[in-house]
């Protein structure tokens, strides 16, 4: 609903939001309690994404300026997804490294350390 807060400055940050529909205004309280307008966000915007990496209070408020629909991604769910992707990536790299003749004398732990620091080049 319009004028409804999605979250307020100081609330715990445990999720980020993707705006599917509507208009939200982002504000930060200043000395004296007056809000400072930061920006407006609309469809396809992601807000609060710092919550995926950091716990702590929200640094701004998000208030709906029209009826809004948002999707929420909890930090805990994001962590599970990232961990699964990292495991899958490591398994793929280990499969390749196991077939590199030059490193055939390395044990699995040593090849694993190599896999952990490899980066994709495009």
Foldseek 3Di string as FASTA:
>chain_A
DAFAWPDAFFAKQFKKKAWQAAKKWKWAADPVRDTDTDDMDGHGDIPSVVNLPDIGTHRIIIGTRDDTDMDIDGSVNVVVVVVVVVVVQLVVQLVVLCPDPVCVVPDSVVSSVVSVPDDDDD
